[in-house]
């Protein structure tokens, strides 16, 4: 139970963040939710809290997304001739 005005404000901000995250990611697969929330600047622990999963799950998914993006960017970039 919040005791100070600052704690109450932080609790309300957290509730608003959860509502916004749920609305913004509704209907998405967990992988897409993680990618979107990561691009929004949230830390893995915060993403995990919002999605009801572990921070390790989020970290593993982020690594997988980065590897996937690296492969895509390598396919798109022209071969360098030297």
PDB file of N, CA and C in Angstrom:
ATOM      1  N   UNK A   1       0.848  -1.183   0.000  1.00  0.00           N
ATOM      2  CA  UNK A   1       0.000   0.000   0.000  1.00  0.00           C
ATOM      3  C   UNK A   1       0.886   1.236   0.000  1.00  0.00           C
ATOM      4  N   UNK A   2       0.711   2.093  -0.985  1.00  0.00           N
ATOM      5  CA  UNK A   2       1.534   3.309  -1.045  1.00  0.00           C
ATOM      6  C   UNK A   2       1.312   4.196   0.176  1.00  0.00           C
ATOM      7  N   UNK A   3       2.403   4.766   0.646  1.00  0.00           N
ATOM      8  CA  UNK A   3       2.319   5.620   1.833  1.00  0.00           C
ATOM      9  C   UNK A   3       2.449   7.089   1.485  1.00  0.00           C
ATOM     10  N   UNK A   4       3.178   7.390   0.456  1.00  0.00           N
ATOM     11  CA  UNK A   4       3.415   8.791   0.117  1.00  0.00           C
ATOM     12  C   UNK A   4       2.757   9.120  -1.215  1.00  0.00           C
ATOM     13  N   UNK A   5       2.660  10.391  -1.481  1.00  0.00           N
ATOM     14  CA  UNK A   5       2.108  10.848  -2.754  1.00  0.00           C
ATOM     15  C   UNK A   5       2.967  10.357  -3.906  1.00  0.00           C
ATOM     16  N   UNK A   6       4.283  10.379  -3.747  1.00  0.00           N
ATOM     17  CA  UNK A   6       5.183   9.894  -4.798  1.00  0.00           C
ATOM     18  C   UNK A   6       4.948   8.417  -5.093  1.00  0.00           C
ATOM     19  N   UNK A   7       4.774   7.621  -4.071  1.00  0.00           N
ATOM     20  CA  UNK A   7       4.524   6.196  -4.267  1.00  0.00           C
ATOM     21  C   UNK A   7       3.184   5.965  -4.966  1.00  0.00           C
ATOM     22  N   UNK A   8       2.194   6.733  -4.612  1.00  0.00           N
ATOM     23  CA  UNK A   8       0.886   6.627  -5.245  1.00  0.00           C
ATOM     24  C   UNK A   8       0.975   7.012  -6.721  1.00  0.00           C
ATOM     25  N   UNK A   9       1.710   8.063  -7.022  1.00  0.00           N
ATOM     26  CA  UNK A   9       1.898   8.496  -8.411  1.00  0.00           C
ATOM     27  C   UNK A   9       2.615   7.414  -9.212  1.00  0.00           C
ATOM     28  N   UNK A  10       3.663   6.833  -8.646  1.00  0.00           N
ATOM     29  CA  UNK A  10       4.398   5.769  -9.335  1.00  0.00           C
ATOM     30  C   UNK A  10       3.506   4.551  -9.576  1.00  0.00           C
ATOM     31  N   UNK A  11       2.668   4.235  -8.610  1.00  0.00           N
ATOM     32  CA  UNK A  11       1.750   3.105  -8.762  1.00  0.00           C
ATOM     33  C   UNK A  11       0.754   3.379  -9.901  1.00  0.00           C
ATOM     34  N   UNK A  12       0.245   4.575  -9.987  1.00  0.00           N
ATOM     35  CA  UNK A  12      -0.705   4.935 -11.044  1.00  0.00           C
ATOM     36  C   UNK A  12      -0.022   4.933 -12.414  1.00  0.00           C
ATOM     37  N   UNK A  13       1.197   5.432 -12.475  1.00  0.00           N
ATOM     38  CA  UNK A  13       1.944   5.415 -13.733  1.00  0.00           C
ATOM     39  C   UNK A  13       2.165   3.976 -14.192  1.00  0.00           C
ATOM     40  N   UNK A  14       2.488   3.100 -13.260  1.00  0.00           N
ATOM     41  CA  UNK A  14       2.685   1.694 -13.589  1.00  0.00           C
ATOM     42  C   UNK A  14       1.390   1.092 -14.138  1.00  0.00           C
ATOM     43  N   UNK A  15       0.266   1.413 -13.540  1.00  0.00           N
ATOM     44  CA  UNK A  15      -1.021   0.908 -14.026  1.00  0.00           C
ATOM     45  C   UNK A  15      -1.308   1.410 -15.438  1.00  0.00           C
ATOM     46  N   UNK A  16      -1.043   2.677 -15.676  1.00  0.00           N
ATOM     47  CA  UNK A  16      -1.267   3.260 -17.001  1.00  0.00           C
ATOM     48  C   UNK A  16      -0.365   2.596 -18.035  1.00  0.00           C
ATOM     49  N   UNK A  17       0.890   2.369 -17.680  1.00  0.00           N
ATOM     50  CA  UNK A  17       1.828   1.705 -18.580  1.00  0.00           C
ATOM     51  C   UNK A  17       1.323   0.314 -18.942  1.00  0.00           C
ATOM     52  N   UNK A  18       0.835  -0.423 -17.978  1.00  0.00           N
ATOM     53  CA  UNK A  18       0.311  -1.777 -18.229  1.00  0.00           C
ATOM     54  C   UNK A  18      -0.889  -1.739 -19.182  1.00  0.00           C
ATOM     55  N   UNK A  19      -1.772  -0.785 -18.973  1.00  0.00           N
ATOM     56  CA  UNK A  19      -2.954  -0.656 -19.828  1.00  0.00           C
ATOM     57  C   UNK A  19      -2.538  -0.306 -21.259  1.00  0.00           C
ATOM     58  N   UNK A  20      -1.634   0.656 -21.393  1.00  0.00           N
ATOM     59  CA  UNK A  20      -1.163   1.051 -22.717  1.00  0.00           C
ATOM     60  C   UNK A  20      -0.433  -0.088 -23.432  1.00  0.00           C
ATOM     61  N   UNK A  21       0.394  -0.809 -22.694  1.00  0.00           N
ATOM     62  CA  UNK A  21       1.130  -1.929 -23.292  1.00  0.00           C
ATOM     63  C   UNK A  21       0.159  -3.015 -23.746  1.00  0.00           C
ATOM     64  N   UNK A  22      -0.842  -3.294 -22.937  1.00  0.00           N
ATOM     65  CA  UNK A  22      -1.835  -4.306 -23.302  1.00  0.00           C
ATOM     66  C   UNK A  22      -2.610  -3.878 -24.544  1.00  0.00           C
ATOM     67  N   UNK A  23      -3.002  -2.613 -24.596  1.00  0.00           N
ATOM     68  CA  UNK A  23      -3.756  -2.115 -25.751  1.00  0.00           C
ATOM     69  C   UNK A  23      -2.900  -2.105 -27.019  1.00  0.00           C
ATOM     70  N   UNK A  24      -1.645  -1.685 -26.884  1.00  0.00           N
ATOM     71  CA  UNK A  24      -0.763  -1.567 -28.050  1.00  0.00           C
ATOM     72  C   UNK A  24      -0.376  -2.922 -28.621  1.00  0.00           C
ATOM     73  N   UNK A  25      -0.372  -3.951 -27.791  1.00  0.00           N
ATOM     74  CA  UNK A  25       0.092  -5.257 -28.252  1.00  0.00           C
ATOM     75  C   UNK A  25      -1.036  -6.286 -28.352  1.00  0.00           C
ATOM     76  N   UNK A  26      -2.266  -5.848 -28.223  1.00  0.00           N
ATOM     77  CA  UNK A  26      -3.403  -6.772 -28.282  1.00  0.00           C
ATOM     78  C   UNK A  26      -3.421  -7.513 -29.614  1.00  0.00           C
ATOM     79  N   UNK A  27      -3.622  -8.797 -29.555  1.00  0.00           N
ATOM     80  CA  UNK A  27      -3.708  -9.605 -30.766  1.00  0.00           C
ATOM     81  C   UNK A  27      -2.372  -9.999 -31.364  1.00  0.00           C
ATOM     82  N   UNK A  28      -1.280  -9.550 -30.773  1.00  0.00           N
ATOM     83  CA  UNK A  28       0.049  -9.887 -31.286  1.00  0.00           C
ATOM     84  C   UNK A  28       0.557 -11.166 -30.627  1.00  0.00           C
ATOM     85  N   UNK A  29       1.437 -11.841 -31.340  1.00  0.00           N
ATOM     86  CA  UNK A  29       2.146 -12.971 -30.740  1.00  0.00           C
ATOM     87  C   UNK A  29       3.141 -12.414 -29.733  1.00  0.00           C
ATOM     88  N   UNK A  30       3.541 -13.254 -28.778  1.00  0.00           N
ATOM     89  CA  UNK A  30       4.456 -12.802 -27.733  1.00  0.00           C
ATOM     90  C   UNK A  30       5.750 -12.247 -28.315  1.00  0.00           C
ATOM     91  N   UNK A  31       6.264 -12.864 -29.360  1.00  0.00           N
ATOM     92  CA  UNK A  31       7.504 -12.397 -30.001  1.00  0.00           C
ATOM     93  C   UNK A  31       7.336 -10.969 -30.511  1.00  0.00           C
ATOM     94  N   UNK A  32       6.184 -10.686 -31.133  1.00  0.00           N
ATOM     95  CA  UNK A  32       5.903  -9.345 -31.647  1.00  0.00           C
ATOM     96  C   UNK A  32       5.731  -8.345 -30.509  1.00  0.00           C
ATOM     97  N   UNK A  33       5.089  -8.777 -29.424  1.00  0.00           N
ATOM     98  CA  UNK A  33       4.914  -7.910 -28.258  1.00  0.00           C
ATOM     99  C   UNK A  33       6.269  -7.516 -27.688  1.00  0.00           C
ATOM    100  N   UNK A  34       7.146  -8.499 -27.552  1.00  0.00           N
ATOM    101  CA  UNK A  34       8.479  -8.252 -27.000  1.00  0.00           C
ATOM    102  C   UNK A  34       9.238  -7.279 -27.902  1.00  0.00           C
ATOM    103  N   UNK A  35       9.181  -7.489 -29.198  1.00  0.00           N
ATOM    104  CA  UNK A  35       9.889  -6.613 -30.132  1.00  0.00           C
ATOM    105  C   UNK A  35       9.369  -5.178 -30.031  1.00  0.00           C
ATOM    106  N   UNK A  36       8.055  -5.014 -29.987  1.00  0.00           N
ATOM    107  CA  UNK A  36       7.472  -3.674 -29.917  1.00  0.00           C
ATOM    108  C   UNK A  36       7.829  -2.971 -28.613  1.00  0.00           C
ATOM    109  N   UNK A  37       7.686  -3.674 -27.512  1.00  0.00           N
ATOM    110  CA  UNK A  37       7.982  -3.070 -26.213  1.00  0.00           C
ATOM    111  C   UNK A  37       9.472  -2.763 -26.068  1.00  0.00           C
ATOM    112  N   UNK A  38      10.316  -3.592 -26.666  1.00  0.00           N
ATOM    113  CA  UNK A  38      11.759  -3.317 -26.656  1.00  0.00           C
ATOM    114  C   UNK A  38      12.065  -2.061 -27.465  1.00  0.00           C
ATOM    115  N   UNK A  39      11.448  -1.940 -28.641  1.00  0.00           N
ATOM    116  CA  UNK A  39      11.645  -0.730 -29.456  1.00  0.00           C
ATOM    117  C   UNK A  39      11.131   0.513 -28.739  1.00  0.00           C
ATOM    118  N   UNK A  40      10.150   0.340 -27.861  1.00  0.00           N
ATOM    119  CA  UNK A  40       9.616   1.468 -27.088  1.00  0.00           C
ATOM    120  C   UNK A  40      10.554   1.855 -25.946  1.00  0.00           C
ATOM    121  N   UNK A  41      11.620   1.066 -25.747  1.00  0.00           N
ATOM    122  CA  UNK A  41      12.625   1.422 -24.752  1.00  0.00           C
ATOM    123  C   UNK A  41      12.489   0.738 -23.408  1.00  0.00           C
ATOM    124  N   UNK A  42      11.601  -0.243 -23.318  1.00  0.00           N
ATOM    125  CA  UNK A  42      11.442  -0.948 -22.045  1.00  0.00           C
ATOM    126  C   UNK A  42      12.544  -1.981 -21.860  1.00  0.00           C
ATOM    127  N   UNK A  43      12.935  -2.176 -20.627  1.00  0.00           N
ATOM    128  CA  UNK A  43      13.957  -3.159 -20.272  1.00  0.00           C
ATOM    129  C   UNK A  43      13.329  -4.555 -20.233  1.00  0.00           C
ATOM    130  N   UNK A  44      14.127  -5.620 -20.435  1.00  0.00           N
ATOM    131  CA  UNK A  44      13.583  -6.978 -20.421  1.00  0.00           C
ATOM    132  C   UNK A  44      12.765  -7.304 -19.166  1.00  0.00           C
ATOM    133  N   UNK A  45      13.214  -6.859 -18.003  1.00  0.00           N
ATOM    134  CA  UNK A  45      12.472  -7.139 -16.778  1.00  0.00           C
ATOM    135  C   UNK A  45      11.091  -6.492 -16.818  1.00  0.00           C
ATOM    136  N   UNK A  46      11.029  -5.258 -17.314  1.00  0.00           N
ATOM    137  CA  UNK A  46       9.755  -4.556 -17.402  1.00  0.00           C
ATOM    138  C   UNK A  46       8.829  -5.213 -18.428  1.00  0.00           C
ATOM    139  N   UNK A  47       9.396  -5.640 -19.544  1.00  0.00           N
ATOM    140  CA  UNK A  47       8.612  -6.341 -20.563  1.00  0.00           C
ATOM    141  C   UNK A  47       8.054  -7.631 -19.989  1.00  0.00           C
ATOM    142  N   UNK A  48       8.902  -8.362 -19.285  1.00  0.00           N
ATOM    143  CA  UNK A  48       8.469  -9.622 -18.671  1.00  0.00           C
ATOM    144  C   UNK A  48       7.328  -9.390 -17.684  1.00  0.00           C
ATOM    145  N   UNK A  49       7.444  -8.367 -16.871  1.00  0.00           N
ATOM    146  CA  UNK A  49       6.381  -8.044 -15.917  1.00  0.00           C
ATOM    147  C   UNK A  49       5.073  -7.733 -16.629  1.00  0.00           C
ATOM    148  N   UNK A  50       5.165  -6.961 -17.694  1.00  0.00           N
ATOM    149  CA  UNK A  50       3.965  -6.577 -18.440  1.00  0.00           C
ATOM    150  C   UNK A  50       3.309  -7.763 -19.129  1.00  0.00           C
ATOM    151  N   UNK A  51       4.121  -8.695 -19.618  1.00  0.00           N
ATOM    152  CA  UNK A  51       3.590  -9.829 -20.375  1.00  0.00           C
ATOM    153  C   UNK A  51       3.342 -11.065 -19.521  1.00  0.00           C
ATOM    154  N   UNK A  52       3.751 -11.009 -18.271  1.00  0.00           N
ATOM    155  CA  UNK A  52       3.538 -12.155 -17.386  1.00  0.00           C
ATOM    156  C   UNK A  52       4.425 -13.335 -17.715  1.00  0.00           C
ATOM    157  N   UNK A  53       5.649 -13.045 -18.082  1.00  0.00           N
ATOM    158  CA  UNK A  53       6.612 -14.101 -18.395  1.00  0.00           C
ATOM    159  C   UNK A  53       7.910 -13.795 -17.651  1.00  0.00           C
ATOM    160  N   UNK A  54       8.928 -14.604 -17.855  1.00  0.00           N
ATOM    161  CA  UNK A  54      10.190 -14.367 -17.156  1.00  0.00           C
ATOM    162  C   UNK A  54      11.080 -13.430 -17.969  1.00  0.00           C
ATOM    163  N   UNK A  55      11.973 -12.738 -17.274  1.00  0.00           N
ATOM    164  CA  UNK A  55      12.902 -11.848 -17.974  1.00  0.00           C
ATOM    165  C   UNK A  55      13.867 -12.664 -18.830  1.00  0.00           C
ATOM    166  N   UNK A  56      14.149 -13.898 -18.433  1.00  0.00           N
ATOM    167  CA  UNK A  56      15.015 -14.755 -19.243  1.00  0.00           C
ATOM    168  C   UNK A  56      14.345 -15.080 -20.578  1.00  0.00           C
ATOM    169  N   UNK A  57      13.047 -15.352 -20.557  1.00  0.00           N
ATOM    170  CA  UNK A  57      12.309 -15.608 -21.797  1.00  0.00           C
ATOM    171  C   UNK A  57      12.411 -14.411 -22.722  1.00  0.00           C
ATOM    172  N   UNK A  58      12.268 -13.219 -22.165  1.00  0.00           N
ATOM    173  CA  UNK A  58      12.352 -11.994 -22.963  1.00  0.00           C
ATOM    174  C   UNK A  58      13.752 -11.832 -23.537  1.00  0.00           C
ATOM    175  N   UNK A  59      14.771 -12.057 -22.735  1.00  0.00           N
ATOM    176  CA  UNK A  59      16.154 -11.921 -23.218  1.00  0.00           C
ATOM    177  C   UNK A  59      16.459 -12.902 -24.355  1.00  0.00           C
ATOM    178  N   UNK A  60      16.015 -14.142 -24.185  1.00  0.00           N
ATOM    179  CA  UNK A  60      16.242 -15.154 -25.221  1.00  0.00           C
ATOM    180  C   UNK A  60      15.543 -14.736 -26.511  1.00  0.00           C
ATOM    181  N   UNK A  61      14.336 -14.242 -26.398  1.00  0.00           N
ATOM    182  CA  UNK A  61      13.592 -13.807 -27.581  1.00  0.00           C
ATOM    183  C   UNK A  61      14.266 -12.613 -28.251  1.00  0.00           C
ATOM    184  N   UNK A  62      14.785 -11.684 -27.452  1.00  0.00           N
ATOM    185  CA  UNK A  62      15.476 -10.523 -28.010  1.00  0.00           C
ATOM    186  C   UNK A  62      16.740 -10.938 -28.770  1.00  0.00           C
ATOM    187  N   UNK A  63      17.475 -11.898 -28.237  1.00  0.00           N
ATOM    188  CA  UNK A  63      18.672 -12.408 -28.930  1.00  0.00           C
ATOM    189  C   UNK A  63      18.251 -13.046 -30.253  1.00  0.00           C
ATOM    190  N   UNK A  64      17.185 -13.827 -30.219  1.00  0.00           N
ATOM    191  CA  UNK A  64      16.682 -14.468 -31.427  1.00  0.00           C
ATOM    192  C   UNK A  64      16.244 -13.432 -32.464  1.00  0.00           C
ATOM    193  N   UNK A  65      15.577 -12.386 -32.013  1.00  0.00           N
ATOM    194  CA  UNK A  65      15.151 -11.313 -32.919  1.00  0.00           C
ATOM    195  C   UNK A  65      16.352 -10.607 -33.541  1.00  0.00           C
ATOM    196  N   UNK A  66      17.382 -10.342 -32.731  1.00  0.00           N
ATOM    197  CA  UNK A  66      18.586  -9.685 -33.256  1.00  0.00           C
ATOM    198  C   UNK A  66      19.272 -10.548 -34.310  1.00  0.00           C
ATOM    199  N   UNK A  67      19.379 -11.847 -34.038  1.00  0.00           N
ATOM    200  CA  UNK A  67      20.004 -12.754 -35.004  1.00  0.00           C
ATOM    201  C   UNK A  67      19.206 -12.787 -36.293  1.00  0.00           C
ATOM    202  N   UNK A  68      17.897 -12.822 -36.167  1.00  0.00           N
ATOM    203  CA  UNK A  68      17.019 -12.834 -37.336  1.00  0.00           C
ATOM    204  C   UNK A  68      17.174 -11.549 -38.141  1.00  0.00           C
ATOM    205  N   UNK A  69      17.243 -10.425 -37.444  1.00  0.00           N
ATOM    206  CA  UNK A  69      17.416  -9.133 -38.124  1.00  0.00           C
ATOM    207  C   UNK A  69      18.783  -9.041 -38.793  1.00  0.00           C
ATOM    208  N   UNK A  70      19.821  -9.600 -38.160  1.00  0.00           N
ATOM    209  CA  UNK A  70      21.160  -9.600 -38.749  1.00  0.00           C
ATOM    210  C   UNK A  70      21.170 -10.393 -40.057  1.00  0.00           C
ATOM    211  N   UNK A  71      20.500 -11.545 -40.055  1.00  0.00           N
ATOM    212  CA  UNK A  71      20.441 -12.362 -41.261  1.00  0.00           C
ATOM    213  C   UNK A  71      19.714 -11.628 -42.377  1.00  0.00           C
ATOM    214  N   UNK A  72      18.623 -10.949 -42.028  1.00  0.00           N
ATOM    215  CA  UNK A  72      17.856 -10.207 -43.034  1.00  0.00           C
ATOM    216  C   UNK A  72      18.690  -9.070 -43.615  1.00  0.00           C
ATOM    217  N   UNK A  73      19.412  -8.354 -42.758  1.00  0.00           N
ATOM    218  CA  UNK A  73      20.198  -7.221 -43.256  1.00  0.00           C
ATOM    219  C   UNK A  73      21.362  -7.698 -44.119  1.00  0.00           C
ATOM    220  N   UNK A  74      21.917  -8.864 -43.827  1.00  0.00           N
ATOM    221  CA  UNK A  74      23.006  -9.398 -44.653  1.00  0.00           C
ATOM    222  C   UNK A  74      22.498  -9.805 -46.034  1.00  0.00           C
ATOM    223  N   UNK A  75      21.268 -10.308 -46.086  1.00  0.00           N
ATOM    224  CA  UNK A  75      20.692 -10.707 -47.369  1.00  0.00           C
ATOM    225  C   UNK A  75      20.388  -9.485 -48.231  1.00  0.00           C
ATOM    226  N   UNK A  76      20.003  -8.367 -47.593  1.00  0.00           N
ATOM    227  CA  UNK A  76      19.625  -7.174 -48.334  1.00  0.00           C
ATOM    228  C   UNK A  76      20.842  -6.378 -48.809  1.00  0.00           C
ATOM    229  N   UNK A  77      21.940  -6.413 -48.071  1.00  0.00           N
ATOM    230  CA  UNK A  77      23.098  -5.608 -48.434  1.00  0.00           C
ATOM    231  C   UNK A  77      23.851  -6.276 -49.586  1.00  0.00           C
ATOM    232  N   UNK A  78      24.252  -5.481 -50.579  1.00  0.00           N
ATOM    233  CA  UNK A  78      24.982  -6.045 -51.728  1.00  0.00           C
ATOM    234  C   UNK A  78      26.357  -6.537 -51.308  1.00  0.00           C
ATOM    235  N   UNK A  79      26.820  -7.530 -51.983  1.00  0.00           N
ATOM    236  CA  UNK A  79      28.154  -8.078 -51.696  1.00  0.00           C
ATOM    237  C   UNK A  79      29.213  -7.032 -52.025  1.00  0.00           C
ATOM    238  N   UNK A  80      30.166  -6.911 -51.143  1.00  0.00           N
ATOM    239  CA  UNK A  80      31.253  -5.954 -51.348  1.00  0.00           C
ATOM    240  C   UNK A  80      32.373  -6.652 -52.105  1.00  0.00           C
ATOM    241  N   UNK A  81      32.767  -6.051 -53.210  1.00  0.00           N
ATOM    242  CA  UNK A  81      33.852  -6.639 -54.007  1.00  0.00           C
ATOM    243  C   UNK A  81      35.132  -5.869 -53.706  1.00  0.00           C
ATOM    244  N   UNK A  82      36.167  -6.595 -53.456  1.00  0.00           N
ATOM    245  CA  UNK A  82      37.385  -5.911 -53.075  1.00  0.00           C
ATOM    246  C   UNK A  82      38.571  -6.203 -53.864  1.00  0.00           C
TER     247      UNK A  82
END
